[in-house]
Amino acid sequence: MMKIGIVTDSVSNLPQEFQEKENIKVLPVTIRFGNEVYQEGVNLLPQDFYRMLETVDEVPWISAPASREFLEMFESMRQEGFEGAVCILSCRICQSYNQVCEARDFARPFPAVVVDSHLATMSQGFMVMEAARAAEQGLAITDIVERVWQIRKQVHFYGLAGMLHYLVRSGHLSKGSAYMKALLNIQQLITIDKETGEFIPAGKVKHRQGGYDFIKNQMEQAAASGGKLHAAVLHANEADEADRLYQSLSGSLDCAEIYLQDLSPAVVCHLGPGVVGASYFVENGSGQQ
């Protein structure tokens, strides 16, 4: 039985306890505020990130771990006794996918298979978690990758945007549309396009509770297939609202697991503070909406 390791980056929003338990290798994304450079989860925690956001006028610059860092990780894994790796990253949020592909080509004969998640947040995180569980069961690399692709088809993310001008800055919403929504106090729902990996509008509601009801309804429909529901509530500096949504979902839905997580600062650079949402998938169900 081959010992297969799992690699990802910090935009996957993995629960810390799971990351440590399964020995998942997570490389941090770099965030630059002016001349100051930080690595999320290393020397930049979410609460520090939000304080710093208040001091700058421009969206911070983000970048992927360098291919050299991935190559060094592969060598470290080889020394730990791993005989291969499955790497799950996105080509959209910060180009980690491109960097790890370059490292993979130099890491041979150490076998590393790279999967483009096309996702972020715990939507990517759930793919990583299921890959780790499959590796723990002793599955071959090809079978682990097949499991990851199945989760990618089933996983979903829906959220409520906070500060609409961040969506305008990142090109996810037009300035005119944002102005009208703010004027009429309309709340913008967002999701992730699985083909492009982009955050896109998913509808609108008249108040935030309507958005949370929408998210809960989507999860109930997915769980109606009878499979096991896996969920995570995510937020960007909205701990109280996120906790209320978490309590609502965990109290009314039969979840195999449910987490409450801060959004990755790198993702918040795209969406802005104030986001509350959920990633989820149904195991052994269609997961289709």
C-alpha atoms as a PDB file:
ATOM      1  CA  MET A   1       0.000   0.000   0.000  1.00  0.00           C
ATOM      2  CA  MET A   2       1.488   3.324  -1.096  1.00  0.00           C
ATOM      3  CA  LYS A   3       1.671   6.206   1.372  1.00  0.00           C
ATOM      4  CA  ILE A   4       0.045   9.124  -0.477  1.00  0.00           C
ATOM      5  CA  GLY A   5       0.187  12.688   0.816  1.00  0.00           C
ATOM      6  CA  ILE A   6      -2.318  15.481   0.171  1.00  0.00           C
ATOM      7  CA  VAL A   7      -1.230  19.028  -0.741  1.00  0.00           C
ATOM      8  CA  THR A   8      -3.255  22.236  -0.964  1.00  0.00           C
ATOM      9  CA  ASP A   9      -2.991  25.961  -0.225  1.00  0.00           C
ATOM     10  CA  SER A  10      -4.531  28.149   2.444  1.00  0.00           C
ATOM     11  CA  VAL A  11      -7.555  29.267   0.376  1.00  0.00           C
ATOM     12  CA  SER A  12      -9.042  25.822   1.100  1.00  0.00           C
ATOM     13  CA  ASN A  13     -10.089  27.050   4.584  1.00  0.00           C
ATOM     14  CA  LEU A  14      -9.330  23.648   6.130  1.00  0.00           C
ATOM     15  CA  PRO A  15     -10.280  23.169   9.786  1.00  0.00           C
ATOM     16  CA  GLN A  16      -7.010  23.263  11.709  1.00  0.00           C
ATOM     17  CA  GLU A  17      -7.766  20.127  13.684  1.00  0.00           C
ATOM     18  CA  PHE A  18      -8.442  18.092  10.537  1.00  0.00           C
ATOM     19  CA  GLN A  19      -5.334  19.440   8.826  1.00  0.00           C
ATOM     20  CA  GLU A  20      -3.160  18.351  11.723  1.00  0.00           C
ATOM     21  CA  LYS A  21      -4.863  14.996  12.242  1.00  0.00           C
ATOM     22  CA  GLU A  22      -4.497  13.948   8.599  1.00  0.00           C
ATOM     23  CA  ASN A  23      -1.076  15.597   8.120  1.00  0.00           C
ATOM     24  CA  ILE A  24      -2.287  17.588   5.122  1.00  0.00           C
ATOM     25  CA  LYS A  25       0.398  19.810   3.627  1.00  0.00           C
ATOM     26  CA  VAL A  26      -0.928  23.376   3.331  1.00  0.00           C
ATOM     27  CA  LEU A  27       1.166  26.126   1.753  1.00  0.00           C
ATOM     28  CA  PRO A  28       0.152  29.678   2.720  1.00  0.00           C
ATOM     29  CA  VAL A  29      -0.869  32.337   0.210  1.00  0.00           C
ATOM     30  CA  THR A  30       1.057  35.610   0.340  1.00  0.00           C
ATOM     31  CA  ILE A  31      -0.782  38.878   0.950  1.00  0.00           C
ATOM     32  CA  ARG A  32       0.899  42.247   0.423  1.00  0.00           C
ATOM     33  CA  PHE A  33      -0.208  45.470   2.099  1.00  0.00           C
ATOM     34  CA  GLY A  34       1.910  48.132   0.430  1.00  0.00           C
ATOM     35  CA  ASN A  35       5.514  47.161   1.167  1.00  0.00           C
ATOM     36  CA  GLU A  36       4.554  44.714   3.913  1.00  0.00           C
ATOM     37  CA  VAL A  37       4.306  41.033   2.982  1.00  0.00           C
ATOM     38  CA  TYR A  38       2.440  38.420   5.038  1.00  0.00           C
ATOM     39  CA  GLN A  39       1.522  34.757   4.791  1.00  0.00           C
ATOM     40  CA  GLU A  40      -2.030  33.958   5.794  1.00  0.00           C
ATOM     41  CA  GLY A  41      -2.285  31.608   8.720  1.00  0.00           C
ATOM     42  CA  VAL A  42       1.408  32.096   9.540  1.00  0.00           C
ATOM     43  CA  ASN A  43       1.943  35.744  10.452  1.00  0.00           C
ATOM     44  CA  LEU A  44      -1.463  37.068   9.379  1.00  0.00           C
ATOM     45  CA  LEU A  45      -4.600  35.993  11.221  1.00  0.00           C
ATOM     46  CA  PRO A  46      -8.109  37.017  10.065  1.00  0.00           C
ATOM     47  CA  GLN A  47      -8.639  39.551  12.874  1.00  0.00           C
ATOM     48  CA  ASP A  48      -5.316  41.234  12.032  1.00  0.00           C
ATOM     49  CA  PHE A  49      -6.202  41.223   8.349  1.00  0.00           C
ATOM     50  CA  TYR A  50      -9.496  43.085   8.925  1.00  0.00           C
ATOM     51  CA  ARG A  51      -7.783  45.717  11.055  1.00  0.00           C
ATOM     52  CA  MET A  52      -5.229  46.291   8.326  1.00  0.00           C
ATOM     53  CA  LEU A  53      -7.918  46.518   5.642  1.00  0.00           C
ATOM     54  CA  GLU A  54      -9.261  49.607   7.402  1.00  0.00           C
ATOM     55  CA  THR A  55      -5.934  51.373   6.919  1.00  0.00           C
ATOM     56  CA  VAL A  56      -5.572  50.970   3.136  1.00  0.00           C
ATOM     57  CA  ASP A  57      -7.495  52.363   0.175  1.00  0.00           C
ATOM     58  CA  GLU A  58      -6.606  49.630  -2.310  1.00  0.00           C
ATOM     59  CA  VAL A  59      -7.335  45.918  -2.317  1.00  0.00           C
ATOM     60  CA  PRO A  60      -4.260  44.032  -1.024  1.00  0.00           C
ATOM     61  CA  TRP A  61      -2.193  42.134  -3.571  1.00  0.00           C
ATOM     62  CA  ILE A  62      -2.164  38.325  -3.291  1.00  0.00           C
ATOM     63  CA  SER A  63       0.142  35.720  -4.789  1.00  0.00           C
ATOM     64  CA  ALA A  64       0.515  31.949  -4.796  1.00  0.00           C
ATOM     65  CA  PRO A  65       3.288  30.003  -3.097  1.00  0.00           C
ATOM     66  CA  ALA A  66       6.294  29.838  -5.426  1.00  0.00           C
ATOM     67  CA  SER A  67       6.996  26.665  -7.393  1.00  0.00           C
ATOM     68  CA  ARG A  68      10.221  26.373  -5.347  1.00  0.00           C
ATOM     69  CA  GLU A  69       8.132  26.079  -2.164  1.00  0.00           C
ATOM     70  CA  PHE A  70       6.075  23.257  -3.652  1.00  0.00           C
ATOM     71  CA  LEU A  71       9.242  21.520  -4.837  1.00  0.00           C
ATOM     72  CA  GLU A  72      10.740  21.772  -1.347  1.00  0.00           C
ATOM     73  CA  MET A  73       7.517  20.358   0.074  1.00  0.00           C
ATOM     74  CA  PHE A  74       7.649  17.374  -2.288  1.00  0.00           C
ATOM     75  CA  GLU A  75      11.213  16.660  -1.168  1.00  0.00           C
ATOM     76  CA  SER A  76      10.198  16.957   2.488  1.00  0.00           C
ATOM     77  CA  MET A  77       7.309  14.552   1.885  1.00  0.00           C
ATOM     78  CA  ARG A  78       9.641  12.067   0.205  1.00  0.00           C
ATOM     79  CA  GLN A  79      11.906  12.175   3.251  1.00  0.00           C
ATOM     80  CA  GLU A  80       8.872  11.585   5.497  1.00  0.00           C
ATOM     81  CA  GLY A  81       8.165   8.366   3.631  1.00  0.00           C
ATOM     82  CA  PHE A  82       5.413   9.516   1.280  1.00  0.00           C
ATOM     83  CA  GLU A  83       5.529   7.744  -2.079  1.00  0.00           C
ATOM     84  CA  GLY A  84       3.384  10.214  -3.992  1.00  0.00           C
ATOM     85  CA  ALA A  85       1.079  13.203  -3.649  1.00  0.00           C
ATOM     86  CA  VAL A  86      -2.311  14.461  -4.782  1.00  0.00           C
ATOM     87  CA  CYS A  87      -2.345  18.251  -5.023  1.00  0.00           C
ATOM     88  CA  ILE A  88      -5.676  20.095  -5.001  1.00  0.00           C
ATOM     89  CA  LEU A  89      -5.477  23.788  -5.873  1.00  0.00           C
ATOM     90  CA  SER A  90      -7.240  26.440  -7.939  1.00  0.00           C
ATOM     91  CA  CYS A  91      -5.976  28.222 -11.033  1.00  0.00           C
ATOM     92  CA  ARG A  92      -8.228  31.229 -10.326  1.00  0.00           C
ATOM     93  CA  ILE A  93      -7.844  32.740  -6.873  1.00  0.00           C
ATOM     94  CA  CYS A  94      -4.057  33.071  -6.787  1.00  0.00           C
ATOM     95  CA  GLN A  95      -2.589  30.806  -9.493  1.00  0.00           C
ATOM     96  CA  SER A  96      -1.371  28.102  -7.075  1.00  0.00           C
ATOM     97  CA  TYR A  97      -2.294  25.485  -9.678  1.00  0.00           C
ATOM     98  CA  ASN A  98       0.245  26.840 -12.169  1.00  0.00           C
ATOM     99  CA  GLN A  99       3.019  26.944  -9.581  1.00  0.00           C
ATOM    100  CA  VAL A 100       2.490  23.395  -8.363  1.00  0.00           C
ATOM    101  CA  CYS A 101       2.389  22.071 -11.948  1.00  0.00           C
ATOM    102  CA  GLU A 102       5.822  23.565 -12.543  1.00  0.00           C
ATOM    103  CA  ALA A 103       7.130  21.999  -9.331  1.00  0.00           C
ATOM    104  CA  ARG A 104       5.582  18.640 -10.233  1.00  0.00           C
ATOM    105  CA  ASP A 105       7.594  18.502 -13.447  1.00  0.00           C
ATOM    106  CA  PHE A 106      10.850  18.988 -11.533  1.00  0.00           C
ATOM    107  CA  ALA A 107       9.908  16.590  -8.710  1.00  0.00           C
ATOM    108  CA  ARG A 108      10.065  13.427 -10.828  1.00  0.00           C
ATOM    109  CA  PRO A 109      10.402  10.539 -10.173  1.00  0.00           C
ATOM    110  CA  PHE A 110       8.327  11.498  -7.095  1.00  0.00           C
ATOM    111  CA  PRO A 111       4.768  11.138  -8.501  1.00  0.00           C
ATOM    112  CA  ALA A 112       2.520  14.142  -7.930  1.00  0.00           C
ATOM    113  CA  VAL A 113      -0.936  14.414  -9.508  1.00  0.00           C
ATOM    114  CA  VAL A 114      -2.404  17.928  -9.686  1.00  0.00           C
ATOM    115  CA  VAL A 115      -6.157  18.566  -9.679  1.00  0.00           C
ATOM    116  CA  ASP A 116      -7.575  22.009 -10.498  1.00  0.00           C
ATOM    117  CA  SER A 117     -10.366  22.485  -7.969  1.00  0.00           C
ATOM    118  CA  HIS A 118     -11.856  25.478  -9.865  1.00  0.00           C
ATOM    119  CA  LEU A 119     -13.088  26.377  -6.381  1.00  0.00           C
ATOM    120  CA  ALA A 120     -12.056  28.039  -3.130  1.00  0.00           C
ATOM    121  CA  THR A 121     -13.096  28.193   0.526  1.00  0.00           C
ATOM    122  CA  MET A 122     -14.330  24.926   2.010  1.00  0.00           C
ATOM    123  CA  SER A 123     -15.654  23.917  -1.411  1.00  0.00           C
ATOM    124  CA  GLN A 124     -12.000  23.201  -2.170  1.00  0.00           C
ATOM    125  CA  GLY A 125     -11.464  22.168   1.436  1.00  0.00           C
ATOM    126  CA  PHE A 126     -14.011  19.363   1.220  1.00  0.00           C
ATOM    127  CA  MET A 127     -12.213  18.009  -1.844  1.00  0.00           C
ATOM    128  CA  VAL A 128      -8.984  18.003   0.165  1.00  0.00           C
ATOM    129  CA  MET A 129     -10.629  16.344   3.182  1.00  0.00           C
ATOM    130  CA  GLU A 130     -12.143  13.565   1.096  1.00  0.00           C
ATOM    131  CA  ALA A 131      -8.794  13.007  -0.623  1.00  0.00           C
ATOM    132  CA  ALA A 132      -7.150  12.644   2.798  1.00  0.00           C
ATOM    133  CA  ARG A 133      -9.794  10.156   3.912  1.00  0.00           C
ATOM    134  CA  ALA A 134      -9.323   8.166   0.724  1.00  0.00           C
ATOM    135  CA  ALA A 135      -5.552   8.138   1.232  1.00  0.00           C
ATOM    136  CA  GLU A 136      -6.057   6.992   4.818  1.00  0.00           C
ATOM    137  CA  GLN A 137      -8.100   4.070   3.483  1.00  0.00           C
ATOM    138  CA  GLY A 138      -5.147   3.045   1.338  1.00  0.00           C
ATOM    139  CA  LEU A 139      -6.636   3.914  -2.057  1.00  0.00           C
ATOM    140  CA  ALA A 140      -4.311   4.252  -5.041  1.00  0.00           C
ATOM    141  CA  ILE A 141      -3.554   7.693  -6.477  1.00  0.00           C
ATOM    142  CA  THR A 142      -5.929   7.158  -9.402  1.00  0.00           C
ATOM    143  CA  ASP A 143      -8.778   6.225  -7.060  1.00  0.00           C
ATOM    144  CA  ILE A 144      -8.099   9.226  -4.802  1.00  0.00           C
ATOM    145  CA  VAL A 145      -8.213  11.542  -7.809  1.00  0.00           C
ATOM    146  CA  GLU A 146     -11.462   9.959  -8.986  1.00  0.00           C
ATOM    147  CA  ARG A 147     -12.961  10.591  -5.543  1.00  0.00           C
ATOM    148  CA  VAL A 148     -11.841  14.235  -5.705  1.00  0.00           C
ATOM    149  CA  TRP A 149     -13.493  14.705  -9.101  1.00  0.00           C
ATOM    150  CA  GLN A 150     -16.738  13.266  -7.762  1.00  0.00           C
ATOM    151  CA  ILE A 151     -16.732  15.749  -4.867  1.00  0.00           C
ATOM    152  CA  ARG A 152     -15.982  18.614  -7.257  1.00  0.00           C
ATOM    153  CA  LYS A 153     -19.192  17.785  -9.122  1.00  0.00           C
ATOM    154  CA  GLN A 154     -21.230  17.690  -5.918  1.00  0.00           C
ATOM    155  CA  VAL A 155     -19.885  20.554  -3.813  1.00  0.00           C
ATOM    156  CA  HIS A 156     -21.584  23.966  -3.738  1.00  0.00           C
ATOM    157  CA  PHE A 157     -21.010  27.410  -2.281  1.00  0.00           C
ATOM    158  CA  TYR A 158     -23.573  30.149  -1.721  1.00  0.00           C
ATOM    159  CA  GLY A 159     -23.009  33.345   0.180  1.00  0.00           C
ATOM    160  CA  LEU A 160     -24.248  36.853   0.845  1.00  0.00           C
ATOM    161  CA  ALA A 161     -21.902  39.635  -0.193  1.00  0.00           C
ATOM    162  CA  GLY A 162     -21.022  42.322   2.320  1.00  0.00           C
ATOM    163  CA  MET A 163     -19.338  45.393   0.817  1.00  0.00           C
ATOM    164  CA  LEU A 164     -20.418  45.505  -2.816  1.00  0.00           C
ATOM    165  CA  HIS A 165     -17.610  47.819  -3.889  1.00  0.00           C
ATOM    166  CA  TYR A 166     -15.195  44.891  -3.469  1.00  0.00           C
ATOM    167  CA  LEU A 167     -17.179  42.919  -6.035  1.00  0.00           C
ATOM    168  CA  VAL A 168     -16.992  45.935  -8.348  1.00  0.00           C
ATOM    169  CA  ARG A 169     -13.225  46.271  -7.856  1.00  0.00           C
ATOM    170  CA  SER A 170     -12.644  42.604  -8.641  1.00  0.00           C
ATOM    171  CA  GLY A 171     -14.947  42.708 -11.677  1.00  0.00           C
ATOM    172  CA  HIS A 172     -17.645  40.416 -10.263  1.00  0.00           C
ATOM    173  CA  LEU A 173     -20.339  43.131 -10.285  1.00  0.00           C
ATOM    174  CA  SER A 174     -20.906  46.263 -12.367  1.00  0.00           C
ATOM    175  CA  LYS A 175     -20.760  49.662 -10.687  1.00  0.00           C
ATOM    176  CA  GLY A 176     -24.318  50.492 -11.778  1.00  0.00           C
ATOM    177  CA  SER A 177     -25.714  47.236 -10.439  1.00  0.00           C
ATOM    178  CA  ALA A 178     -23.932  47.718  -7.119  1.00  0.00           C
ATOM    179  CA  TYR A 179     -25.284  51.270  -6.834  1.00  0.00           C
ATOM    180  CA  MET A 180     -28.875  50.181  -7.406  1.00  0.00           C
ATOM    181  CA  LYS A 181     -28.604  47.298  -4.946  1.00  0.00           C
ATOM    182  CA  ALA A 182     -27.202  49.588  -2.276  1.00  0.00           C
ATOM    183  CA  LEU A 183     -29.888  52.208  -2.972  1.00  0.00           C
ATOM    184  CA  LEU A 184     -32.707  49.677  -2.656  1.00  0.00           C
ATOM    185  CA  ASN A 185     -31.048  47.731   0.183  1.00  0.00           C
ATOM    186  CA  ILE A 186     -31.003  44.573  -1.964  1.00  0.00           C
ATOM    187  CA  GLN A 187     -28.680  41.793  -0.805  1.00  0.00           C
ATOM    188  CA  GLN A 188     -26.481  40.107  -3.423  1.00  0.00           C
ATOM    189  CA  LEU A 189     -26.154  36.318  -3.419  1.00  0.00           C
ATOM    190  CA  ILE A 190     -22.912  34.915  -4.817  1.00  0.00           C
ATOM    191  CA  THR A 191     -21.677  31.486  -5.852  1.00  0.00           C
ATOM    192  CA  ILE A 192     -18.697  29.947  -7.665  1.00  0.00           C
ATOM    193  CA  ASP A 193     -18.848  29.030 -11.345  1.00  0.00           C
ATOM    194  CA  LYS A 194     -17.409  25.512 -11.454  1.00  0.00           C
ATOM    195  CA  GLU A 195     -16.263  25.877 -15.052  1.00  0.00           C
ATOM    196  CA  THR A 196     -14.369  29.156 -14.674  1.00  0.00           C
ATOM    197  CA  GLY A 197     -13.678  29.248 -10.943  1.00  0.00           C
ATOM    198  CA  GLU A 198     -15.039  32.803 -10.782  1.00  0.00           C
ATOM    199  CA  PHE A 199     -17.257  34.201  -8.058  1.00  0.00           C
ATOM    200  CA  ILE A 200     -20.496  35.175  -9.818  1.00  0.00           C
ATOM    201  CA  PRO A 201     -23.914  36.608  -8.833  1.00  0.00           C
ATOM    202  CA  ALA A 202     -26.440  33.926  -7.886  1.00  0.00           C
ATOM    203  CA  GLY A 203     -29.526  36.044  -7.317  1.00  0.00           C
ATOM    204  CA  LYS A 204     -30.726  38.720  -4.952  1.00  0.00           C
ATOM    205  CA  VAL A 205     -32.885  38.929  -1.854  1.00  0.00           C
ATOM    206  CA  LYS A 206     -34.526  41.799   0.000  1.00  0.00           C
ATOM    207  CA  HIS A 207     -32.831  41.161   3.330  1.00  0.00           C
ATOM    208  CA  ARG A 208     -30.011  39.046   4.723  1.00  0.00           C
ATOM    209  CA  GLN A 209     -32.319  36.597   6.471  1.00  0.00           C
ATOM    210  CA  GLY A 210     -33.846  35.880   3.071  1.00  0.00           C
ATOM    211  CA  GLY A 211     -30.351  34.977   1.883  1.00  0.00           C
ATOM    212  CA  TYR A 212     -29.798  32.618   4.782  1.00  0.00           C
ATOM    213  CA  ASP A 213     -33.177  31.016   4.120  1.00  0.00           C
ATOM    214  CA  PHE A 214     -32.123  30.527   0.491  1.00  0.00           C
ATOM    215  CA  ILE A 215     -28.881  28.820   1.546  1.00  0.00           C
ATOM    216  CA  LYS A 216     -30.719  26.567   3.982  1.00  0.00           C
ATOM    217  CA  ASN A 217     -33.296  25.662   1.321  1.00  0.00           C
ATOM    218  CA  GLN A 218     -30.562  24.724  -1.159  1.00  0.00           C
ATOM    219  CA  MET A 219     -28.965  22.460   1.421  1.00  0.00           C
ATOM    220  CA  GLU A 220     -32.287  20.843   2.296  1.00  0.00           C
ATOM    221  CA  GLN A 221     -32.912  20.087  -1.376  1.00  0.00           C
ATOM    222  CA  ALA A 222     -29.458  18.538  -1.735  1.00  0.00           C
ATOM    223  CA  ALA A 223     -29.937  16.430   1.416  1.00  0.00           C
ATOM    224  CA  ALA A 224     -33.293  15.145   0.131  1.00  0.00           C
ATOM    225  CA  SER A 225     -31.354  12.593  -1.935  1.00  0.00           C
ATOM    226  CA  GLY A 226     -30.759  10.707   1.307  1.00  0.00           C
ATOM    227  CA  GLY A 227     -26.969  10.971   1.337  1.00  0.00           C
ATOM    228  CA  LYS A 228     -24.757  12.289   4.120  1.00  0.00           C
ATOM    229  CA  LEU A 229     -24.621  16.094   4.247  1.00  0.00           C
ATOM    230  CA  HIS A 230     -21.236  17.742   4.839  1.00  0.00           C
ATOM    231  CA  ALA A 231     -21.335  21.497   5.474  1.00  0.00           C
ATOM    232  CA  ALA A 232     -19.271  24.484   6.532  1.00  0.00           C
ATOM    233  CA  VAL A 233     -20.435  27.995   7.388  1.00  0.00           C
ATOM    234  CA  LEU A 234     -17.898  30.654   6.409  1.00  0.00           C
ATOM    235  CA  HIS A 235     -17.694  34.341   7.150  1.00  0.00           C
ATOM    236  CA  ALA A 236     -15.560  37.455   6.703  1.00  0.00           C
ATOM    237  CA  ASN A 237     -15.644  39.413   9.980  1.00  0.00           C
ATOM    238  CA  GLU A 238     -19.290  38.494  10.653  1.00  0.00           C
ATOM    239  CA  ALA A 239     -18.876  36.015  13.504  1.00  0.00           C
ATOM    240  CA  ASP A 240     -22.278  36.639  15.144  1.00  0.00           C
ATOM    241  CA  GLU A 241     -24.300  36.292  11.933  1.00  0.00           C
ATOM    242  CA  ALA A 242     -22.282  33.262  10.894  1.00  0.00           C
ATOM    243  CA  ASP A 243     -22.880  31.628  14.265  1.00  0.00           C
ATOM    244  CA  ARG A 244     -26.644  32.166  13.918  1.00  0.00           C
ATOM    245  CA  LEU A 245     -26.593  30.519  10.491  1.00  0.00           C
ATOM    246  CA  TYR A 246     -24.441  27.697  11.871  1.00  0.00           C
ATOM    247  CA  GLN A 247     -26.859  27.113  14.754  1.00  0.00           C
ATOM    248  CA  SER A 248     -29.832  27.164  12.384  1.00  0.00           C
ATOM    249  CA  LEU A 249     -28.291  24.640   9.997  1.00  0.00           C
ATOM    250  CA  SER A 250     -26.871  22.312  12.636  1.00  0.00           C
ATOM    251  CA  GLY A 251     -30.156  22.375  14.548  1.00  0.00           C
ATOM    252  CA  SER A 252     -32.412  21.530  11.610  1.00  0.00           C
ATOM    253  CA  LEU A 253     -30.268  19.479   9.217  1.00  0.00           C
ATOM    254  CA  ASP A 254     -28.791  16.042   9.831  1.00  0.00           C
ATOM    255  CA  CYS A 255     -25.150  16.799   9.034  1.00  0.00           C
ATOM    256  CA  ALA A 256     -22.433  14.176   9.022  1.00  0.00           C
ATOM    257  CA  GLU A 257     -20.114  17.080   9.824  1.00  0.00           C
ATOM    258  CA  ILE A 258     -20.499  20.860   9.986  1.00  0.00           C
ATOM    259  CA  TYR A 259     -17.829  23.494  10.585  1.00  0.00           C
ATOM    260  CA  LEU A 260     -17.747  27.212  11.357  1.00  0.00           C
ATOM    261  CA  GLN A 261     -14.769  28.901   9.692  1.00  0.00           C
ATOM    262  CA  ASP A 262     -13.258  32.312   8.997  1.00  0.00           C
ATOM    263  CA  LEU A 263     -12.905  32.895   5.278  1.00  0.00           C
ATOM    264  CA  SER A 264      -9.385  32.853   3.932  1.00  0.00           C
ATOM    265  CA  PRO A 265      -8.049  36.454   3.763  1.00  0.00           C
ATOM    266  CA  ALA A 266      -7.016  35.765   0.156  1.00  0.00           C
ATOM    267  CA  VAL A 267     -10.665  35.066  -0.708  1.00  0.00           C
ATOM    268  CA  VAL A 268     -11.767  38.161   1.213  1.00  0.00           C
ATOM    269  CA  CYS A 269      -9.476  40.208  -1.051  1.00  0.00           C
ATOM    270  CA  HIS A 270     -11.863  39.204  -3.865  1.00  0.00           C
ATOM    271  CA  LEU A 271     -15.177  39.420  -2.001  1.00  0.00           C
ATOM    272  CA  GLY A 272     -14.584  41.957   0.764  1.00  0.00           C
ATOM    273  CA  PRO A 273     -15.549  41.854   4.446  1.00  0.00           C
ATOM    274  CA  GLY A 274     -19.110  41.117   5.512  1.00  0.00           C
ATOM    275  CA  VAL A 275     -19.572  37.875   3.561  1.00  0.00           C
ATOM    276  CA  VAL A 276     -21.520  35.044   5.192  1.00  0.00           C
ATOM    277  CA  GLY A 277     -22.086  31.802   3.322  1.00  0.00           C
ATOM    278  CA  ALA A 278     -21.832  28.022   3.265  1.00  0.00           C
ATOM    279  CA  SER A 279     -20.061  25.296   1.343  1.00  0.00           C
ATOM    280  CA  TYR A 280     -21.616  21.830   1.286  1.00  0.00           C
ATOM    281  CA  PHE A 281     -21.939  18.537  -0.529  1.00  0.00           C
ATOM    282  CA  VAL A 282     -23.949  15.357  -0.177  1.00  0.00           C
ATOM    283  CA  GLU A 283     -21.996  12.125  -0.009  1.00  0.00           C
ATOM    284  CA  ASN A 284     -23.444   9.237  -2.031  1.00  0.00           C
ATOM    285  CA  GLY A 285     -26.091  11.565  -3.483  1.00  0.00           C
ATOM    286  CA  SER A 286     -26.358  13.519  -6.685  1.00  0.00           C
ATOM    287  CA  GLY A 287     -25.755  16.841  -4.968  1.00  0.00           C
ATOM    288  CA  GLN A 288     -27.388  18.560  -7.915  1.00  0.00           C
ATOM    289  CA  GLN A 289     -29.562  21.592  -7.524  1.00  0.00           C
END
